[in-house]
Amino acid sequence: MRSNINKSKDKLATFIKENFDSNIYKFQKFIIENKLALSDIARKVGLSEGWTIRKMRQYSLIPFTTLSEARREYICEYCGAKFTNYKHREKDDKNIYCSTKCRILANKKTFSYEKFRFDIESYEFTKPSPKLGDYSDVPKGRRRSQFVNKYKVNHFFFKNGIINEETAYIAGIILTDGNLGKSGTNFYVRLGLVDKQIVKDIASEMESKYPIREEDRSKRNRKNIFVITFYSPYLYHDLTCLGCGERKTYYANYPYIKNNELHRHFIRGVIDGDGCWYFHNGSLVLSICGNDMHLYGIAKTIERFLGITPTSLYYPGKKMKSFCKIDYSPVDSVKIRDWIYQDAKIYLKRKYNTAYSIKATFRTSDVAKACNVSMPYVRKLIRTGEIDAFRKGKVFEFDEDGYKEAISYILKRKKQHPSHFPTRYWVKKYDIE
């Protein structure tokens, strides 16, 4: 909170200046002692309630409020702190923890397959329907009309199911961010994503000439998305046979894939759709959300190939009771990242860049140990500008390139001036030309 202000054109600032010598702390104390609600403050200042609260937020001022009957006090099950929230959120499990941080810490390393809300013993992967590639049920009229449409697409892209990297990846992303439906007598497959790059790549792989349009969602305070709609009864039929039909969100499941090499491409498509790479305390973390049966299949598949399991499973408790989220530890997230992006041809570049933007950092102790010199000597070279490092708090750190350059420079100095180093010994960790 700023203690003093000086804005002559601001009515709230002028009021505080005239009555409280521009001291915001005094004004906040006055509000609490006199129990001034927002309407009372607006009346005194001479502004509407809307403008008053906007101006108050600029100076971190808070009007006096009373705890309404709709709210009650709770105790956080993790840290024990008291907090208030609305009663109606009890059904959404919103009143268990006082903050997102407490929820994450409470669920850390508590994962168990038994926490899934369905019978995991009877779980099976979704096998392709025997009618896959059989278009006898597709109306004949619709069959002909698709080939005279001015926009073209590979109608038989999924005719043989998931058989290569492209079909695996696109099936994964359609299962998460796509939707199927009917418009009159037309069957369509719609895909909408924030990133135009991946929409264009998918359209190219499917040999599509359909236009990509931008959908404005600013009125809902959301980012605009780029949408492409394929009108094809064949794509609709094949995707439905693969377990990706209308209203798929409620019954989506992991598909049965024969070729073991294609699982990582399918999972990469799912992550590009409903996954998230983010940093927690400087470490990379992977989070995936969706239908619980689908996430169970993903978790079991990753465990099968990499031998790792999620650290936590969380049901937000929304209207859709089967919606959940799984998180992986930083070490396991890096393993998954390297596995799914190995030799990948098609992927969302934004998430790829986020996943690989983490850089290893090294301290002066790491450089000193690698070169068999003292830490004060390394710090001396940093202060004189002979090697580059960046300060983080009270310590110096190196990125990966700076770490190698520092070692290279010190080892060269040891060769050129051995008398400066009593041990006359150095560690050859890197070849120096």
Protein backbone atom coordinates (compact mmCIF):
# COMPACT_ATOMS: atom_id res chain seq x y z
CA MET A 1 0.00 0.00 0.00
CA ARG A 2 1.37 3.41 -0.92
CA SER A 3 1.45 5.67 2.15
CA ASN A 4 1.31 9.02 0.32
CA ILE A 5 -0.35 10.20 -2.88
CA ASN A 6 -0.40 13.44 -4.79
CA LYS A 7 -2.90 13.50 -7.66
CA SER A 8 -4.83 16.73 -7.92
CA LYS A 9 -7.12 15.49 -10.72
CA ASP A 10 -8.16 12.35 -8.82
CA LYS A 11 -11.24 12.99 -6.63
CA LEU A 12 -10.33 10.22 -4.21
CA ALA A 13 -6.73 11.46 -4.04
CA THR A 14 -7.96 15.01 -3.46
CA PHE A 15 -10.29 13.85 -0.68
CA ILE A 16 -7.48 11.95 1.07
CA LYS A 17 -5.10 14.89 0.63
CA GLU A 18 -7.52 17.39 2.16
CA ASN A 19 -8.69 15.24 5.07
CA PHE A 20 -5.78 12.89 5.83
CA ASP A 21 -2.68 14.77 4.60
CA SER A 22 -2.34 12.29 1.68
CA ASN A 23 -1.73 9.45 4.14
CA ILE A 24 -3.51 6.32 2.89
CA TYR A 25 -2.89 4.39 6.12
CA LYS A 26 -4.84 7.00 8.08
CA PHE A 27 -7.71 6.83 5.61
CA GLN A 28 -7.82 3.01 5.76
CA LYS A 29 -7.87 3.17 9.57
CA PHE A 30 -10.69 5.73 9.40
CA ILE A 31 -12.71 3.38 7.14
CA ILE A 32 -12.36 0.45 9.54
CA GLU A 33 -13.05 2.45 12.73
CA ASN A 34 -16.17 4.08 11.28
CA LYS A 35 -17.31 0.93 9.41
CA LEU A 36 -17.63 2.77 6.11
CA ALA A 37 -19.07 0.59 3.37
CA LEU A 38 -18.38 1.26 -0.29
CA SER A 39 -21.59 3.28 -0.66
CA ASP A 40 -20.60 5.50 2.30
CA ILE A 41 -17.15 6.18 0.85
CA ALA A 42 -18.61 6.94 -2.59
CA ARG A 43 -21.04 9.44 -1.02
CA LYS A 44 -18.22 11.23 0.83
CA VAL A 45 -15.88 11.35 -2.18
CA GLY A 46 -18.57 12.30 -4.69
CA LEU A 47 -18.11 9.43 -7.12
CA SER A 48 -20.19 6.47 -8.19
CA GLU A 49 -19.59 3.18 -6.41
CA GLY A 50 -18.01 1.74 -9.55
CA TRP A 51 -15.47 4.53 -9.90
CA THR A 52 -14.82 4.58 -6.17
CA ILE A 53 -13.87 0.90 -5.97
CA ARG A 54 -11.66 1.29 -9.06
CA LYS A 55 -9.79 4.19 -7.49
CA MET A 56 -9.54 2.42 -4.13
CA ARG A 57 -7.96 -0.60 -5.78
CA GLN A 58 -5.28 1.65 -7.27
CA TYR A 59 -4.18 2.51 -3.73
CA SER A 60 -4.89 -0.94 -2.22
CA LEU A 61 -7.73 0.44 -0.09
CA ILE A 62 -10.50 -1.88 1.13
CA PRO A 63 -14.03 -0.81 2.17
CA PHE A 64 -15.54 -2.19 5.36
CA THR A 65 -17.62 -5.33 4.81
CA THR A 66 -19.54 -7.60 7.12
CA LEU A 67 -19.60 -11.39 6.84
CA SER A 68 -22.86 -12.17 5.07
CA GLU A 69 -25.08 -15.11 5.94
CA ALA A 70 -24.05 -16.71 2.65
CA ARG A 71 -20.47 -16.99 3.94
CA ARG A 72 -18.97 -18.79 6.88
CA GLU A 73 -15.58 -19.43 8.42
CA TYR A 74 -13.54 -22.56 7.67
CA ILE A 75 -10.24 -24.04 8.79
CA CYS A 76 -7.71 -25.15 6.18
CA GLU A 77 -7.07 -28.89 6.46
CA TYR A 78 -3.42 -28.44 5.47
CA CYS A 79 -2.07 -25.36 7.26
CA GLY A 80 -4.80 -24.83 9.86
CA ALA A 81 -5.40 -21.20 8.89
CA LYS A 82 -8.88 -19.71 9.20
CA PHE A 83 -10.56 -18.39 6.05
CA THR A 84 -14.03 -17.43 4.87
CA ASN A 85 -15.85 -18.65 1.80
CA TYR A 86 -19.35 -19.14 0.43
CA LYS A 87 -21.39 -22.03 1.84
CA HIS A 88 -22.61 -23.15 -1.59
CA ARG A 89 -19.02 -24.05 -2.50
CA GLU A 90 -18.96 -26.90 0.01
CA LYS A 91 -20.29 -29.26 -2.65
CA ASP A 92 -17.36 -28.28 -4.93
CA ASP A 93 -14.71 -29.06 -2.28
CA LYS A 94 -13.71 -25.39 -2.36
CA ASN A 95 -13.76 -25.00 1.42
CA ILE A 96 -11.19 -27.66 2.30
CA TYR A 97 -8.03 -25.61 1.66
CA CYS A 98 -7.46 -21.89 2.06
CA SER A 99 -5.43 -21.53 -1.13
CA THR A 100 -4.32 -23.33 -4.28
CA LYS A 101 -0.84 -23.69 -2.80
CA CYS A 102 -2.21 -25.61 0.20
CA ARG A 103 -4.24 -27.87 -2.08
CA ILE A 104 -1.17 -28.69 -4.19
CA LEU A 105 1.02 -29.35 -1.14
CA ALA A 106 -1.67 -31.47 0.52
CA ASN A 107 -2.07 -33.65 -2.56
CA LYS A 108 1.65 -33.90 -3.26
CA LYS A 109 2.83 -37.49 -3.66
CA THR A 110 -0.54 -38.87 -2.58
CA PHE A 111 -1.44 -40.49 -5.89
CA SER A 112 -3.18 -43.84 -5.90
CA TYR A 113 -5.10 -45.53 -8.70
CA GLU A 114 -7.79 -46.35 -6.14
CA LYS A 115 -8.68 -42.63 -5.98
CA PHE A 116 -10.27 -42.79 -9.42
CA ARG A 117 -14.07 -42.68 -9.17
CA PHE A 118 -14.83 -45.68 -11.32
CA ASP A 119 -14.24 -49.41 -11.18
CA ILE A 120 -10.61 -49.66 -12.33
CA GLU A 121 -10.69 -53.46 -12.20
CA SER A 122 -13.15 -53.62 -15.07
CA TYR A 123 -11.34 -50.94 -17.08
CA GLU A 124 -10.55 -51.65 -20.73
CA PHE A 125 -9.03 -49.58 -23.50
CA THR A 126 -11.47 -48.54 -26.23
CA LYS A 127 -11.05 -50.88 -29.18
CA PRO A 128 -11.94 -49.67 -32.70
CA SER A 129 -15.42 -50.62 -33.86
CA PRO A 130 -15.59 -53.40 -36.51
CA LYS A 131 -17.35 -50.84 -38.73
CA LEU A 132 -14.20 -48.70 -38.98
CA GLY A 133 -13.65 -48.02 -42.69
CA ASP A 134 -17.05 -49.51 -43.60
CA TYR A 135 -19.19 -46.67 -44.95
CA SER A 136 -22.31 -48.65 -45.79
CA ASP A 137 -24.20 -46.75 -43.07
CA VAL A 138 -23.24 -43.36 -44.53
CA PRO A 139 -26.18 -41.93 -46.56
CA LYS A 140 -25.47 -42.22 -50.28
CA GLY A 141 -26.48 -38.63 -50.93
CA ARG A 142 -23.97 -37.37 -48.41
CA ARG A 143 -21.27 -39.60 -49.90
CA ARG A 144 -21.52 -37.99 -53.32
CA SER A 145 -21.92 -34.39 -52.18
CA GLN A 146 -18.63 -34.37 -50.25
CA PHE A 147 -16.60 -34.89 -53.41
CA VAL A 148 -18.19 -31.99 -55.31
CA ASN A 149 -17.68 -29.58 -52.39
CA LYS A 150 -15.40 -26.67 -53.29
CA TYR A 151 -13.37 -27.34 -50.11
CA LYS A 152 -11.37 -30.55 -50.09
CA VAL A 153 -10.09 -32.78 -47.27
CA ASN A 154 -8.75 -36.31 -46.98
CA HIS A 155 -12.05 -37.98 -46.02
CA PHE A 156 -10.34 -41.31 -45.38
CA PHE A 157 -7.58 -40.03 -43.06
CA PHE A 158 -8.72 -42.37 -40.25
CA LYS A 159 -9.99 -45.19 -42.48
CA ASN A 160 -7.41 -47.65 -41.09
CA GLY A 161 -7.43 -46.23 -37.57
CA ILE A 162 -4.30 -45.06 -35.75
CA ILE A 163 -1.48 -46.34 -37.95
CA ASN A 164 1.24 -43.65 -37.93
CA GLU A 165 2.48 -40.58 -36.08
CA GLU A 166 0.11 -38.20 -37.86
CA THR A 167 -3.07 -40.19 -37.19
CA ALA A 168 -2.02 -40.80 -33.55
CA TYR A 169 -1.27 -37.14 -32.83
CA ILE A 170 -4.36 -35.73 -34.57
CA ALA A 171 -6.61 -38.33 -32.89
CA GLY A 172 -5.23 -37.20 -29.51
CA ILE A 173 -5.79 -33.52 -30.15
CA ILE A 174 -9.30 -34.04 -31.60
CA LEU A 175 -10.21 -36.18 -28.58
CA THR A 176 -9.34 -33.25 -26.30
CA ASP A 177 -10.00 -30.02 -28.22
CA GLY A 178 -12.24 -31.15 -31.07
CA ASN A 179 -15.93 -31.84 -31.32
CA LEU A 180 -18.19 -33.77 -33.68
CA GLY A 181 -21.75 -32.99 -34.61
CA LYS A 182 -24.52 -32.73 -37.19
CA SER A 183 -25.84 -29.61 -38.84
CA GLY A 184 -28.99 -30.45 -40.74
CA THR A 185 -27.94 -33.27 -43.03
CA ASN A 186 -24.23 -32.43 -42.74
CA PHE A 187 -21.73 -34.21 -40.51
CA TYR A 188 -18.79 -32.14 -39.29
CA VAL A 189 -15.57 -32.38 -37.27
CA ARG A 190 -14.61 -29.08 -35.65
CA LEU A 191 -11.24 -28.21 -34.14
CA GLY A 192 -10.57 -24.96 -32.28
CA LEU A 193 -7.22 -23.98 -30.74
CA VAL A 194 -5.56 -20.79 -29.53
CA ASP A 195 -2.49 -21.40 -31.73
CA LYS A 196 -2.98 -20.95 -35.46
CA GLN A 197 0.29 -22.77 -36.18
CA ILE A 198 -0.92 -26.19 -35.08
CA VAL A 199 -4.32 -25.74 -36.78
CA LYS A 200 -2.52 -25.04 -40.07
CA ASP A 201 -0.22 -28.04 -39.56
CA ILE A 202 -3.18 -30.36 -38.93
CA ALA A 203 -5.02 -28.98 -41.97
CA SER A 204 -1.91 -29.62 -44.06
CA GLU A 205 -1.57 -33.21 -42.82
CA MET A 206 -5.23 -33.86 -43.64
CA GLU A 207 -4.86 -32.25 -47.10
CA SER A 208 -7.58 -29.78 -46.20
CA LYS A 209 -8.56 -26.69 -48.17
CA TYR A 210 -11.19 -25.61 -45.64
CA PRO A 211 -10.70 -22.03 -44.38
CA ILE A 212 -9.35 -21.30 -40.91
CA ARG A 213 -11.33 -18.57 -39.19
CA GLU A 214 -10.66 -16.65 -35.99
CA GLU A 215 -13.42 -16.80 -33.39
CA ASP A 216 -13.74 -13.71 -31.21
CA ARG A 217 -14.24 -14.63 -27.54
CA SER A 218 -13.29 -11.28 -25.99
CA LYS A 219 -16.84 -10.77 -24.68
CA ARG A 220 -16.33 -13.83 -22.48
CA ASN A 221 -12.89 -12.59 -21.36
CA ARG A 222 -11.19 -15.44 -23.18
CA LYS A 223 -8.50 -15.66 -25.81
CA ASN A 224 -9.58 -15.86 -29.43
CA ILE A 225 -9.30 -19.28 -31.03
CA PHE A 226 -8.64 -20.42 -34.58
CA VAL A 227 -11.28 -22.81 -35.84
CA ILE A 228 -11.37 -25.19 -38.78
CA THR A 229 -14.45 -27.28 -39.58
CA PHE A 230 -14.29 -30.35 -41.81
CA TYR A 231 -17.63 -31.35 -43.35
CA SER A 232 -17.23 -35.06 -43.93
CA PRO A 233 -19.47 -38.02 -43.00
CA TYR A 234 -16.45 -40.28 -43.49
CA LEU A 235 -14.27 -38.53 -40.89
CA TYR A 236 -17.28 -38.36 -38.57
CA HIS A 237 -17.91 -42.09 -39.01
CA ASP A 238 -14.28 -43.18 -38.50
CA LEU A 239 -13.68 -40.99 -35.45
CA THR A 240 -16.90 -42.28 -33.88
CA CYS A 241 -15.67 -45.84 -34.47
CA LEU A 242 -12.41 -44.91 -32.69
CA GLY A 243 -14.34 -43.75 -29.60
CA CYS A 244 -14.39 -40.03 -30.38
CA GLY A 245 -18.03 -39.22 -31.05
CA GLU A 246 -20.50 -36.53 -30.07
CA ARG A 247 -20.38 -35.37 -26.42
CA LYS A 248 -17.14 -37.34 -26.08
CA THR A 249 -16.09 -35.39 -22.98
CA TYR A 250 -18.40 -37.52 -20.82
CA TYR A 251 -17.17 -40.92 -21.98
CA ALA A 252 -13.73 -40.31 -23.55
CA ASN A 253 -11.32 -43.18 -23.02
CA TYR A 254 -7.80 -44.12 -24.04
CA PRO A 255 -7.89 -45.98 -27.39
CA TYR A 256 -6.41 -49.39 -28.00
CA ILE A 257 -3.22 -48.87 -30.09
CA LYS A 258 -1.37 -51.91 -31.44
CA ASN A 259 1.90 -50.21 -32.40
CA ASN A 260 3.83 -49.35 -29.23
CA GLU A 261 5.71 -46.57 -31.03
CA LEU A 262 2.51 -44.58 -31.52
CA HIS A 263 1.48 -44.17 -27.87
CA ARG A 264 3.85 -41.25 -27.27
CA HIS A 265 2.51 -39.42 -30.34
CA PHE A 266 -1.09 -39.86 -29.15
CA ILE A 267 -0.19 -38.64 -25.65
CA ARG A 268 1.63 -35.66 -27.16
CA GLY A 269 -1.60 -34.74 -28.96
CA VAL A 270 -3.55 -35.01 -25.69
CA ILE A 271 -1.02 -32.79 -23.88
CA ASP A 272 -1.11 -30.20 -26.68
CA GLY A 273 -4.89 -30.19 -26.25
CA ASP A 274 -5.58 -30.45 -22.51
CA GLY A 275 -2.12 -30.57 -20.97
CA CYS A 276 0.02 -27.86 -19.45
CA TRP A 277 3.75 -27.39 -18.91
CA TYR A 278 4.53 -24.91 -16.14
CA PHE A 279 7.23 -24.07 -13.64
CA HIS A 280 6.90 -24.63 -9.90
CA ASN A 281 9.80 -23.36 -7.78
CA GLY A 282 11.93 -23.24 -10.92
CA SER A 283 11.20 -26.85 -11.95
CA LEU A 284 9.20 -28.12 -14.92
CA VAL A 285 5.86 -29.73 -14.04
CA LEU A 286 3.35 -31.50 -16.29
CA SER A 287 -0.38 -31.34 -15.60
CA ILE A 288 -3.11 -33.05 -17.65
CA CYS A 289 -6.87 -32.68 -17.18
CA GLY A 290 -9.87 -34.44 -18.65
CA ASN A 291 -12.22 -37.37 -18.21
CA ASP A 292 -10.99 -39.70 -15.43
CA MET A 293 -11.15 -42.87 -17.56
CA HIS A 294 -9.08 -41.18 -20.24
CA LEU A 295 -6.48 -39.98 -17.71
CA TYR A 296 -6.35 -43.42 -16.13
CA GLY A 297 -5.45 -44.88 -19.52
CA ILE A 298 -2.77 -42.21 -20.03
CA ALA A 299 -1.29 -42.80 -16.56
CA LYS A 300 -1.18 -46.59 -17.07
CA THR A 301 0.41 -46.19 -20.51
CA ILE A 302 3.11 -43.83 -19.23
CA GLU A 303 3.77 -46.20 -16.34
CA ARG A 304 4.09 -49.08 -18.79
CA PHE A 305 6.71 -47.35 -20.95
CA LEU A 306 8.56 -45.15 -18.44
CA GLY A 307 7.84 -46.82 -15.10
CA ILE A 308 6.54 -43.62 -13.47
CA THR A 309 3.21 -42.61 -11.94
CA PRO A 310 1.60 -39.21 -11.22
CA THR A 311 2.26 -37.49 -7.91
CA SER A 312 -1.34 -36.38 -7.40
CA LEU A 313 -4.90 -36.86 -8.63
CA TYR A 314 -7.42 -34.09 -8.07
CA TYR A 315 -11.16 -33.86 -8.73
CA PRO A 316 -12.19 -30.16 -8.78
CA GLY A 317 -15.75 -31.15 -7.91
CA LYS A 318 -17.47 -29.29 -10.75
CA LYS A 319 -20.80 -30.29 -12.28
CA MET A 320 -19.00 -32.92 -14.33
CA LYS A 321 -18.07 -35.43 -11.62
CA SER A 322 -15.74 -37.42 -13.87
CA PHE A 323 -13.50 -34.42 -14.63
CA CYS A 324 -10.10 -34.59 -12.91
CA LYS A 325 -6.46 -33.58 -13.17
CA ILE A 326 -3.17 -35.44 -12.70
CA ASP A 327 0.25 -33.91 -12.00
CA TYR A 328 3.74 -35.33 -12.47
CA SER A 329 6.86 -34.51 -10.46
CA PRO A 330 9.62 -32.36 -12.04
CA VAL A 331 11.93 -35.33 -12.62
CA ASP A 332 9.15 -37.42 -14.18
CA SER A 333 7.93 -34.45 -16.24
CA VAL A 334 11.34 -34.16 -17.87
CA LYS A 335 11.28 -37.90 -18.69
CA ILE A 336 7.83 -37.58 -20.28
CA ARG A 337 8.91 -34.47 -22.19
CA ASP A 338 11.95 -36.18 -23.71
CA TRP A 339 9.89 -39.29 -24.52
CA ILE A 340 7.00 -37.61 -26.35
CA TYR A 341 9.12 -35.09 -28.28
CA GLN A 342 11.78 -37.55 -29.43
CA ASP A 343 11.98 -37.31 -33.26
CA ALA A 344 8.51 -35.70 -33.33
CA LYS A 345 7.35 -34.27 -36.67
CA ILE A 346 4.15 -32.53 -35.61
CA TYR A 347 3.59 -30.73 -32.31
CA LEU A 348 2.44 -27.43 -30.80
CA LYS A 349 5.52 -25.21 -30.88
CA ARG A 350 4.39 -22.96 -28.04
CA LYS A 351 4.15 -25.84 -25.56
CA TYR A 352 7.35 -27.37 -26.92
CA ASN A 353 9.20 -24.10 -26.29
CA THR A 354 7.75 -23.90 -22.78
CA ALA A 355 8.76 -27.48 -22.00
CA TYR A 356 12.33 -26.89 -23.17
CA SER A 357 12.72 -23.32 -21.90
CA ILE A 358 13.99 -24.61 -18.56
CA LYS A 359 17.76 -24.27 -18.39
CA ALA A 360 20.09 -25.89 -15.90
CA THR A 361 21.90 -23.42 -13.66
CA PHE A 362 25.29 -23.91 -12.01
CA ARG A 363 26.93 -22.14 -9.10
CA THR A 364 30.52 -21.11 -8.41
CA SER A 365 30.97 -24.30 -6.37
CA ASP A 366 30.17 -26.40 -9.46
CA VAL A 367 32.77 -24.55 -11.56
CA ALA A 368 35.36 -24.71 -8.77
CA LYS A 369 34.85 -28.45 -8.34
CA ALA A 370 35.04 -29.14 -12.08
CA CYS A 371 38.32 -27.21 -12.42
CA ASN A 372 39.84 -28.14 -9.04
CA VAL A 373 40.19 -24.52 -7.96
CA SER A 374 38.85 -22.55 -5.01
CA MET A 375 35.50 -20.78 -5.00
CA PRO A 376 37.09 -17.38 -4.14
CA TYR A 377 39.20 -17.74 -7.28
CA VAL A 378 36.08 -18.26 -9.43
CA ARG A 379 34.37 -15.28 -7.79
CA LYS A 380 37.47 -13.17 -8.46
CA LEU A 381 37.28 -13.99 -12.18
CA ILE A 382 33.60 -13.01 -12.17
CA ARG A 383 34.29 -9.67 -10.48
CA THR A 384 37.10 -8.83 -12.92
CA GLY A 385 34.84 -9.69 -15.84
CA GLU A 386 36.99 -12.53 -17.17
CA ILE A 387 34.08 -14.98 -17.04
CA ASP A 388 30.37 -14.20 -17.30
CA ALA A 389 27.79 -15.06 -14.64
CA PHE A 390 24.52 -13.62 -13.40
CA ARG A 391 23.62 -12.75 -9.85
CA LYS A 392 20.68 -14.45 -8.16
CA GLY A 393 20.22 -12.96 -4.72
CA LYS A 394 23.58 -13.17 -2.97
CA VAL A 395 25.10 -15.86 -5.19
CA PHE A 396 26.48 -16.04 -8.71
CA GLU A 397 25.05 -18.57 -11.15
CA PHE A 398 25.87 -19.78 -14.67
CA ASP A 399 23.61 -21.06 -17.39
CA GLU A 400 24.70 -24.16 -19.30
CA ASP A 401 26.70 -22.27 -21.94
CA GLY A 402 28.27 -19.95 -19.39
CA TYR A 403 29.22 -22.95 -17.25
CA LYS A 404 31.10 -24.59 -20.13
CA GLU A 405 32.78 -21.33 -21.13
CA ALA A 406 33.92 -20.69 -17.55
CA ILE A 407 35.44 -24.16 -17.28
CA SER A 408 37.13 -23.78 -20.67
CA TYR A 409 38.63 -20.41 -19.67
CA ILE A 410 39.94 -21.61 -16.29
CA LEU A 411 41.49 -24.77 -17.72
CA LYS A 412 43.27 -22.73 -20.40
CA ARG A 413 44.67 -20.43 -17.73
CA LYS A 414 45.93 -23.41 -15.77
CA LYS A 415 47.79 -24.63 -18.84
CA GLN A 416 49.27 -21.22 -19.59
CA HIS A 417 50.19 -20.33 -15.98
CA PRO A 418 50.75 -23.58 -14.04
CA SER A 419 52.81 -21.74 -11.42
CA HIS A 420 49.69 -19.89 -10.32
CA PHE A 421 48.14 -23.19 -9.24
CA PRO A 422 50.22 -25.08 -6.63
CA THR A 423 48.69 -28.46 -7.38
CA ARG A 424 49.56 -28.18 -11.10
CA TYR A 425 46.53 -30.34 -11.74
CA TRP A 426 43.29 -29.81 -13.55
CA VAL A 427 40.24 -31.84 -14.35
CA LYS A 428 39.67 -32.46 -18.05
CA LYS A 429 35.89 -32.43 -18.21
CA TYR A 430 35.76 -30.83 -21.64
CA ASP A 431 38.11 -31.05 -24.62
CA ILE A 432 39.83 -27.73 -25.23
CA GLU A 433 41.23 -26.87 -28.61
